[in-house]
Amino acid sequence: MRLLAIGKAGTNAPESGILQRYAVRIKPALTLVELPDGFGSPAEIKRREAESILAALKPDEFVIALDGGGAAPDSPELAKLLSKWTEQSKKLAFIIGGAEGLDATVIARAGAKLSLGKLTWPHMLVRPMLAEQIYRAQTINAGHPYHRAGRP
């Protein structure tokens, strides 16, 4: 399972440590692929970033694009989606774009769009938040008590 993300966090960034904490718990482990920020006008940035993302994707990966217009499931619903996506393909690739968002060509390549809600989050925080939710979804599917559903 891979996470392709625009921008470089650096290994000493606090967000990187949180991401790693969950990435190793996910089975198969979540691998981060950092891609360079685009430059130029907003349209040019999106185009350049799209080229990097599309070039990094493997033909047999099922792509889930993080996009504000995507489905915004709760954790149990995400667990069901993750199970469905895993049945469709053993190779999942989650995509986090840059500050300008994802280009339409990346959205078109995606098999699913996922939103973490209506709030705007710093992209470096989205990485560990997504990893934790993938881990949570896997524990829900495995019947593990990590999620603690139904607690007040």
N, C-alpha and C. Protein backbone atom coordinates (compact mmCIF):
# COMPACT_ATOMS: atom_id res chain seq x y z
N MET A 1 0.86 -1.17 0.00
CA MET A 1 0.00 0.00 0.00
C MET A 1 0.91 1.23 0.00
N ARG A 2 0.55 2.20 -0.87
CA ARG A 2 1.39 3.38 -0.98
C ARG A 2 0.60 4.66 -0.77
N LEU A 3 1.31 5.66 -0.28
CA LEU A 3 0.78 7.02 -0.16
C LEU A 3 1.69 7.92 -0.97
N LEU A 4 1.16 8.46 -2.05
CA LEU A 4 1.90 9.40 -2.88
C LEU A 4 1.46 10.79 -2.48
N ALA A 5 2.41 11.64 -2.11
CA ALA A 5 2.07 12.96 -1.59
C ALA A 5 3.01 14.01 -2.17
N ILE A 6 2.45 15.13 -2.50
CA ILE A 6 3.24 16.26 -2.98
C ILE A 6 3.90 16.93 -1.77
N GLY A 7 5.17 17.27 -1.91
CA GLY A 7 5.91 17.98 -0.86
C GLY A 7 6.78 17.05 -0.05
N LYS A 8 7.79 17.63 0.54
CA LYS A 8 8.75 16.89 1.35
C LYS A 8 8.65 17.36 2.79
N ALA A 9 8.36 16.42 3.69
CA ALA A 9 8.20 16.75 5.11
C ALA A 9 9.54 16.75 5.84
N GLY A 10 10.43 15.89 5.43
CA GLY A 10 11.69 15.74 6.16
C GLY A 10 11.53 14.74 7.28
N THR A 11 12.59 14.02 7.58
CA THR A 11 12.51 12.95 8.58
C THR A 11 12.40 13.46 10.00
N ASN A 12 12.78 14.70 10.26
CA ASN A 12 12.72 15.24 11.63
C ASN A 12 11.41 15.96 11.93
N ALA A 13 10.54 16.08 10.95
CA ALA A 13 9.26 16.76 11.17
C ALA A 13 8.39 15.92 12.11
N PRO A 14 7.73 16.55 13.07
CA PRO A 14 6.88 15.79 14.00
C PRO A 14 5.82 14.96 13.29
N GLU A 15 5.27 15.49 12.20
CA GLU A 15 4.25 14.76 11.45
C GLU A 15 4.80 13.46 10.89
N SER A 16 6.07 13.46 10.51
CA SER A 16 6.70 12.25 9.96
C SER A 16 6.74 11.13 10.99
N GLY A 17 7.02 11.48 12.23
CA GLY A 17 7.04 10.47 13.30
C GLY A 17 5.68 9.85 13.53
N ILE A 18 4.64 10.68 13.51
CA ILE A 18 3.28 10.16 13.70
C ILE A 18 2.89 9.28 12.51
N LEU A 19 3.21 9.74 11.31
CA LEU A 19 2.92 8.95 10.12
C LEU A 19 3.59 7.58 10.23
N GLN A 20 4.85 7.55 10.60
CA GLN A 20 5.58 6.28 10.70
C GLN A 20 4.98 5.36 11.75
N ARG A 21 4.50 5.92 12.85
CA ARG A 21 3.91 5.12 13.92
C ARG A 21 2.76 4.28 13.38
N TYR A 22 1.93 4.88 12.52
CA TYR A 22 0.80 4.15 11.96
C TYR A 22 1.16 3.38 10.71
N ALA A 23 2.06 3.90 9.89
CA ALA A 23 2.43 3.25 8.62
C ALA A 23 2.93 1.83 8.84
N VAL A 24 3.68 1.61 9.91
CA VAL A 24 4.22 0.26 10.15
C VAL A 24 3.17 -0.69 10.72
N ARG A 25 2.10 -0.15 11.29
CA ARG A 25 1.02 -0.98 11.83
C ARG A 25 0.08 -1.48 10.73
N ILE A 26 0.01 -0.74 9.64
CA ILE A 26 -0.86 -1.08 8.51
C ILE A 26 -0.28 -2.29 7.79
N LYS A 27 -1.16 -3.21 7.38
CA LYS A 27 -0.72 -4.41 6.67
C LYS A 27 -1.37 -4.45 5.30
N PRO A 28 -0.59 -4.48 4.22
CA PRO A 28 0.85 -4.31 4.20
C PRO A 28 1.22 -2.88 4.60
N ALA A 29 2.43 -2.71 5.05
CA ALA A 29 2.89 -1.40 5.54
C ALA A 29 2.64 -0.31 4.49
N LEU A 30 2.30 0.86 4.97
CA LEU A 30 2.08 2.01 4.11
C LEU A 30 3.43 2.64 3.79
N THR A 31 3.72 2.75 2.51
CA THR A 31 4.97 3.35 2.05
C THR A 31 4.70 4.75 1.53
N LEU A 32 5.46 5.71 2.01
CA LEU A 32 5.30 7.10 1.57
C LEU A 32 6.23 7.38 0.39
N VAL A 33 5.65 7.98 -0.65
CA VAL A 33 6.41 8.45 -1.80
C VAL A 33 6.18 9.95 -1.87
N GLU A 34 7.22 10.72 -1.60
CA GLU A 34 7.11 12.19 -1.64
C GLU A 34 7.51 12.67 -3.03
N LEU A 35 6.68 13.53 -3.58
CA LEU A 35 6.91 14.08 -4.92
C LEU A 35 7.12 15.58 -4.82
N PRO A 36 7.88 16.16 -5.75
CA PRO A 36 8.21 17.58 -5.63
C PRO A 36 7.02 18.50 -5.84
N ASP A 37 7.05 19.63 -5.13
CA ASP A 37 6.06 20.69 -5.34
C ASP A 37 6.22 21.23 -6.76
N GLY A 38 5.09 21.56 -7.38
CA GLY A 38 5.14 22.21 -8.68
C GLY A 38 5.51 23.68 -8.53
N PHE A 39 5.74 24.33 -9.63
CA PHE A 39 6.05 25.76 -9.59
C PHE A 39 5.41 26.44 -10.79
N GLY A 40 5.25 27.75 -10.69
CA GLY A 40 4.61 28.52 -11.76
C GLY A 40 3.25 29.02 -11.32
N SER A 41 2.39 29.27 -12.29
CA SER A 41 1.03 29.70 -12.00
C SER A 41 0.27 28.55 -11.35
N PRO A 42 -0.87 28.83 -10.69
CA PRO A 42 -1.63 27.73 -10.09
C PRO A 42 -1.94 26.59 -11.07
N ALA A 43 -2.32 26.95 -12.30
CA ALA A 43 -2.62 25.91 -13.30
C ALA A 43 -1.37 25.12 -13.65
N GLU A 44 -0.26 25.81 -13.77
CA GLU A 44 1.01 25.14 -14.10
C GLU A 44 1.47 24.25 -12.95
N ILE A 45 1.27 24.70 -11.72
CA ILE A 45 1.62 23.88 -10.55
C ILE A 45 0.83 22.58 -10.58
N LYS A 46 -0.47 22.67 -10.78
CA LYS A 46 -1.31 21.47 -10.82
C LYS A 46 -0.89 20.54 -11.95
N ARG A 47 -0.58 21.11 -13.11
CA ARG A 47 -0.16 20.30 -14.25
C ARG A 47 1.14 19.56 -13.97
N ARG A 48 2.12 20.28 -13.42
CA ARG A 48 3.42 19.66 -13.12
C ARG A 48 3.28 18.58 -12.05
N GLU A 49 2.51 18.87 -11.01
CA GLU A 49 2.31 17.89 -9.95
C GLU A 49 1.57 16.66 -10.48
N ALA A 50 0.60 16.88 -11.36
CA ALA A 50 -0.13 15.77 -11.96
C ALA A 50 0.82 14.87 -12.76
N GLU A 51 1.72 15.47 -13.50
CA GLU A 51 2.70 14.69 -14.26
C GLU A 51 3.51 13.80 -13.33
N SER A 52 3.97 14.36 -12.20
CA SER A 52 4.76 13.59 -11.23
C SER A 52 3.95 12.46 -10.63
N ILE A 53 2.71 12.76 -10.26
CA ILE A 53 1.85 11.75 -9.64
C ILE A 53 1.57 10.62 -10.62
N LEU A 54 1.13 10.98 -11.82
CA LEU A 54 0.77 9.96 -12.80
C LEU A 54 1.97 9.11 -13.21
N ALA A 55 3.15 9.71 -13.28
CA ALA A 55 4.36 8.96 -13.61
C ALA A 55 4.74 7.99 -12.49
N ALA A 56 4.41 8.34 -11.25
CA ALA A 56 4.78 7.50 -10.10
C ALA A 56 3.81 6.35 -9.87
N LEU A 57 2.60 6.45 -10.42
CA LEU A 57 1.61 5.39 -10.24
C LEU A 57 1.96 4.16 -11.06
N LYS A 58 1.62 3.01 -10.49
CA LYS A 58 1.81 1.75 -11.20
C LYS A 58 0.50 1.39 -11.88
N PRO A 59 0.56 0.77 -13.06
CA PRO A 59 -0.67 0.46 -13.81
C PRO A 59 -1.67 -0.40 -13.04
N ASP A 60 -1.18 -1.26 -12.14
CA ASP A 60 -2.08 -2.18 -11.44
C ASP A 60 -2.54 -1.65 -10.08
N GLU A 61 -2.27 -0.39 -9.78
CA GLU A 61 -2.71 0.17 -8.50
C GLU A 61 -4.13 0.72 -8.61
N PHE A 62 -4.90 0.46 -7.55
CA PHE A 62 -6.21 1.09 -7.40
C PHE A 62 -5.95 2.42 -6.69
N VAL A 63 -6.33 3.51 -7.32
CA VAL A 63 -6.00 4.85 -6.84
C VAL A 63 -7.16 5.47 -6.08
N ILE A 64 -6.85 5.98 -4.87
CA ILE A 64 -7.80 6.70 -4.06
C ILE A 64 -7.27 8.13 -3.91
N ALA A 65 -7.97 9.08 -4.50
CA ALA A 65 -7.53 10.48 -4.46
C ALA A 65 -8.16 11.17 -3.26
N LEU A 66 -7.35 11.85 -2.46
CA LEU A 66 -7.87 12.67 -1.37
C LEU A 66 -8.33 13.98 -2.01
N ASP A 67 -9.64 14.23 -1.92
CA ASP A 67 -10.23 15.36 -2.62
C ASP A 67 -11.44 15.85 -1.85
N GLY A 68 -11.57 17.15 -1.71
CA GLY A 68 -12.69 17.72 -0.98
C GLY A 68 -14.05 17.32 -1.51
N GLY A 69 -14.12 16.95 -2.78
CA GLY A 69 -15.38 16.53 -3.38
C GLY A 69 -15.64 15.04 -3.25
N GLY A 70 -14.76 14.34 -2.55
CA GLY A 70 -14.92 12.89 -2.40
C GLY A 70 -15.86 12.52 -1.29
N ALA A 71 -16.08 11.22 -1.16
CA ALA A 71 -16.91 10.69 -0.08
C ALA A 71 -16.26 11.02 1.25
N ALA A 72 -17.07 11.36 2.25
CA ALA A 72 -16.57 11.69 3.59
C ALA A 72 -17.16 10.69 4.59
N PRO A 73 -16.68 9.46 4.56
CA PRO A 73 -17.26 8.42 5.43
C PRO A 73 -16.83 8.59 6.88
N ASP A 74 -17.61 7.97 7.78
CA ASP A 74 -17.11 7.85 9.15
C ASP A 74 -16.17 6.63 9.17
N SER A 75 -15.57 6.35 10.30
CA SER A 75 -14.56 5.28 10.35
C SER A 75 -15.12 3.91 9.99
N PRO A 76 -16.29 3.49 10.50
CA PRO A 76 -16.82 2.19 10.07
C PRO A 76 -17.14 2.13 8.57
N GLU A 77 -17.61 3.24 8.02
CA GLU A 77 -17.87 3.27 6.57
C GLU A 77 -16.56 3.18 5.79
N LEU A 78 -15.51 3.85 6.28
CA LEU A 78 -14.20 3.76 5.64
C LEU A 78 -13.69 2.32 5.70
N ALA A 79 -13.93 1.63 6.80
CA ALA A 79 -13.52 0.23 6.91
C ALA A 79 -14.17 -0.60 5.81
N LYS A 80 -15.45 -0.37 5.55
CA LYS A 80 -16.14 -1.09 4.48
C LYS A 80 -15.56 -0.74 3.11
N LEU A 81 -15.29 0.55 2.90
CA LEU A 81 -14.69 0.96 1.63
C LEU A 81 -13.31 0.35 1.45
N LEU A 82 -12.50 0.36 2.50
CA LEU A 82 -11.15 -0.20 2.42
C LEU A 82 -11.22 -1.69 2.07
N SER A 83 -12.16 -2.39 2.68
CA SER A 83 -12.35 -3.81 2.38
C SER A 83 -12.73 -4.00 0.91
N LYS A 84 -13.63 -3.18 0.41
CA LYS A 84 -14.05 -3.25 -0.99
C LYS A 84 -12.88 -2.95 -1.93
N TRP A 85 -12.13 -1.88 -1.62
CA TRP A 85 -11.00 -1.52 -2.47
C TRP A 85 -9.94 -2.62 -2.48
N THR A 86 -9.71 -3.23 -1.33
CA THR A 86 -8.71 -4.29 -1.23
C THR A 86 -9.16 -5.52 -2.02
N GLU A 87 -10.45 -5.78 -2.06
CA GLU A 87 -10.96 -6.89 -2.87
C GLU A 87 -10.75 -6.60 -4.36
N GLN A 88 -10.88 -5.33 -4.75
CA GLN A 88 -10.70 -4.95 -6.15
C GLN A 88 -9.24 -5.03 -6.58
N SER A 89 -8.35 -4.72 -5.66
CA SER A 89 -6.92 -4.70 -5.98
C SER A 89 -6.12 -4.84 -4.70
N LYS A 90 -5.12 -5.69 -4.73
CA LYS A 90 -4.25 -5.83 -3.55
C LYS A 90 -3.29 -4.65 -3.45
N LYS A 91 -3.20 -3.84 -4.51
CA LYS A 91 -2.28 -2.71 -4.53
C LYS A 91 -3.07 -1.41 -4.52
N LEU A 92 -3.09 -0.76 -3.37
CA LEU A 92 -3.79 0.51 -3.23
C LEU A 92 -2.78 1.66 -3.22
N ALA A 93 -3.17 2.77 -3.82
CA ALA A 93 -2.34 3.98 -3.80
C ALA A 93 -3.23 5.16 -3.44
N PHE A 94 -2.94 5.78 -2.31
CA PHE A 94 -3.65 6.98 -1.87
C PHE A 94 -2.85 8.18 -2.37
N ILE A 95 -3.54 9.22 -2.84
CA ILE A 95 -2.89 10.40 -3.41
C ILE A 95 -3.29 11.64 -2.62
N ILE A 96 -2.28 12.40 -2.17
CA ILE A 96 -2.50 13.71 -1.55
C ILE A 96 -1.81 14.74 -2.43
N GLY A 97 -2.58 15.67 -2.93
CA GLY A 97 -2.03 16.70 -3.82
C GLY A 97 -1.34 17.82 -3.05
N GLY A 98 -0.99 18.83 -3.77
CA GLY A 98 -0.34 20.00 -3.18
C GLY A 98 -1.35 21.07 -2.82
N ALA A 99 -0.86 22.26 -2.56
CA ALA A 99 -1.70 23.37 -2.11
C ALA A 99 -2.77 23.76 -3.13
N GLU A 100 -2.53 23.51 -4.40
CA GLU A 100 -3.50 23.86 -5.45
C GLU A 100 -4.52 22.76 -5.68
N GLY A 101 -4.35 21.64 -5.01
CA GLY A 101 -5.27 20.51 -5.21
C GLY A 101 -4.80 19.60 -6.32
N LEU A 102 -5.64 18.64 -6.65
CA LEU A 102 -5.30 17.66 -7.68
C LEU A 102 -5.84 18.08 -9.04
N ASP A 103 -5.06 17.86 -10.05
CA ASP A 103 -5.46 18.13 -11.41
C ASP A 103 -6.54 17.13 -11.84
N ALA A 104 -7.37 17.53 -12.78
CA ALA A 104 -8.45 16.67 -13.27
C ALA A 104 -7.93 15.35 -13.83
N THR A 105 -6.71 15.34 -14.37
CA THR A 105 -6.15 14.10 -14.91
C THR A 105 -5.89 13.08 -13.81
N VAL A 106 -5.53 13.54 -12.63
CA VAL A 106 -5.31 12.64 -11.49
C VAL A 106 -6.65 12.14 -10.98
N ILE A 107 -7.61 13.03 -10.86
CA ILE A 107 -8.96 12.63 -10.43
C ILE A 107 -9.52 11.59 -11.39
N ALA A 108 -9.30 11.78 -12.69
CA ALA A 108 -9.81 10.84 -13.69
C ALA A 108 -9.15 9.47 -13.55
N ARG A 109 -7.91 9.42 -13.12
CA ARG A 109 -7.19 8.14 -12.95
C ARG A 109 -7.66 7.41 -11.70
N ALA A 110 -8.23 8.13 -10.75
CA ALA A 110 -8.61 7.55 -9.47
C ALA A 110 -9.84 6.65 -9.61
N GLY A 111 -9.82 5.55 -8.87
CA GLY A 111 -10.97 4.67 -8.80
C GLY A 111 -11.95 5.12 -7.74
N ALA A 112 -11.47 5.98 -6.82
CA ALA A 112 -12.31 6.50 -5.74
C ALA A 112 -11.76 7.84 -5.29
N LYS A 113 -12.66 8.66 -4.74
CA LYS A 113 -12.27 9.94 -4.14
C LYS A 113 -12.68 9.90 -2.69
N LEU A 114 -11.78 10.36 -1.82
CA LEU A 114 -12.00 10.32 -0.38
C LEU A 114 -11.75 11.70 0.20
N SER A 115 -12.63 12.14 1.09
CA SER A 115 -12.47 13.41 1.77
C SER A 115 -12.35 13.16 3.27
N LEU A 116 -11.51 13.93 3.93
CA LEU A 116 -11.41 13.86 5.39
C LEU A 116 -12.31 14.89 6.05
N GLY A 117 -13.29 15.37 5.30
CA GLY A 117 -14.26 16.32 5.84
C GLY A 117 -14.16 17.68 5.18
N LYS A 118 -14.99 18.59 5.63
CA LYS A 118 -15.07 19.90 5.01
C LYS A 118 -14.01 20.88 5.49
N LEU A 119 -13.37 20.55 6.60
CA LEU A 119 -12.32 21.43 7.10
C LEU A 119 -11.09 21.36 6.19
N THR A 120 -10.35 22.45 6.13
CA THR A 120 -9.10 22.47 5.39
C THR A 120 -7.97 22.12 6.35
N TRP A 121 -7.15 21.13 5.96
CA TRP A 121 -6.04 20.67 6.81
C TRP A 121 -4.71 20.93 6.12
N PRO A 122 -3.67 21.22 6.88
CA PRO A 122 -2.33 21.28 6.28
C PRO A 122 -2.00 19.91 5.69
N HIS A 123 -1.46 19.91 4.50
CA HIS A 123 -1.21 18.65 3.80
C HIS A 123 -0.26 17.72 4.57
N MET A 124 0.66 18.28 5.33
CA MET A 124 1.57 17.43 6.10
C MET A 124 0.85 16.74 7.26
N LEU A 125 -0.24 17.34 7.75
CA LEU A 125 -1.05 16.69 8.79
C LEU A 125 -1.99 15.64 8.21
N VAL A 126 -2.39 15.82 6.97
CA VAL A 126 -3.29 14.86 6.33
C VAL A 126 -2.62 13.49 6.25
N ARG A 127 -1.32 13.47 6.04
CA ARG A 127 -0.61 12.19 5.93
C ARG A 127 -0.80 11.30 7.16
N PRO A 128 -0.45 11.77 8.36
CA PRO A 128 -0.66 10.89 9.53
C PRO A 128 -2.13 10.67 9.84
N MET A 129 -2.99 11.67 9.56
CA MET A 129 -4.42 11.48 9.81
C MET A 129 -4.97 10.36 8.92
N LEU A 130 -4.58 10.35 7.66
CA LEU A 130 -5.01 9.30 6.76
C LEU A 130 -4.46 7.94 7.20
N ALA A 131 -3.19 7.89 7.56
CA ALA A 131 -2.58 6.63 8.00
C ALA A 131 -3.30 6.08 9.23
N GLU A 132 -3.63 6.95 10.17
CA GLU A 132 -4.34 6.49 11.37
C GLU A 132 -5.71 5.94 10.99
N GLN A 133 -6.40 6.58 10.07
CA GLN A 133 -7.72 6.12 9.67
C GLN A 133 -7.65 4.80 8.89
N ILE A 134 -6.61 4.61 8.10
CA ILE A 134 -6.43 3.32 7.42
C ILE A 134 -6.18 2.24 8.46
N TYR A 135 -5.32 2.53 9.44
CA TYR A 135 -5.07 1.56 10.50
C TYR A 135 -6.36 1.26 11.27
N ARG A 136 -7.11 2.30 11.61
CA ARG A 136 -8.37 2.14 12.34
C ARG A 136 -9.32 1.27 11.51
N ALA A 137 -9.43 1.53 10.22
CA ALA A 137 -10.31 0.75 9.35
C ALA A 137 -9.90 -0.72 9.35
N GLN A 138 -8.59 -0.98 9.29
CA GLN A 138 -8.12 -2.37 9.32
C GLN A 138 -8.47 -3.04 10.65
N THR A 139 -8.35 -2.31 11.76
CA THR A 139 -8.69 -2.92 13.05
C THR A 139 -10.19 -3.16 13.16
N ILE A 140 -10.99 -2.27 12.61
CA ILE A 140 -12.44 -2.49 12.60
C ILE A 140 -12.76 -3.76 11.82
N ASN A 141 -12.15 -3.90 10.65
CA ASN A 141 -12.40 -5.08 9.82
C ASN A 141 -11.91 -6.36 10.48
N ALA A 142 -10.89 -6.26 11.33
CA ALA A 142 -10.34 -7.44 12.02
C ALA A 142 -11.06 -7.73 13.34
N GLY A 143 -12.00 -6.86 13.73
CA GLY A 143 -12.70 -7.06 14.99
C GLY A 143 -11.88 -6.69 16.21
N HIS A 144 -10.82 -5.94 16.03
CA HIS A 144 -9.95 -5.49 17.12
C HIS A 144 -10.62 -4.33 17.85
N PRO A 145 -10.47 -4.22 19.17
CA PRO A 145 -11.18 -3.17 19.92
C PRO A 145 -10.58 -1.76 19.82
N TYR A 146 -9.58 -1.52 18.98
CA TYR A 146 -8.94 -0.21 18.87
C TYR A 146 -9.97 0.92 18.67
N HIS A 147 -10.96 0.70 17.82
CA HIS A 147 -11.93 1.75 17.48
C HIS A 147 -12.85 2.14 18.65
N ARG A 148 -13.15 1.20 19.51
CA ARG A 148 -14.01 1.44 20.67
C ARG A 148 -15.35 2.06 20.29
N ALA A 149 -15.98 1.47 19.30
CA ALA A 149 -17.28 1.97 18.84
C ALA A 149 -18.31 1.88 19.97
N GLY A 150 -19.16 2.87 20.03
CA GLY A 150 -20.25 2.85 20.99
C GLY A 150 -19.89 3.42 22.36
N ARG A 151 -18.66 3.81 22.57
CA ARG A 151 -18.31 4.41 23.86
C ARG A 151 -18.78 5.84 23.89
N PRO A 152 -19.18 6.31 25.06
CA PRO A 152 -19.64 7.72 25.15
C PRO A 152 -18.50 8.69 24.96
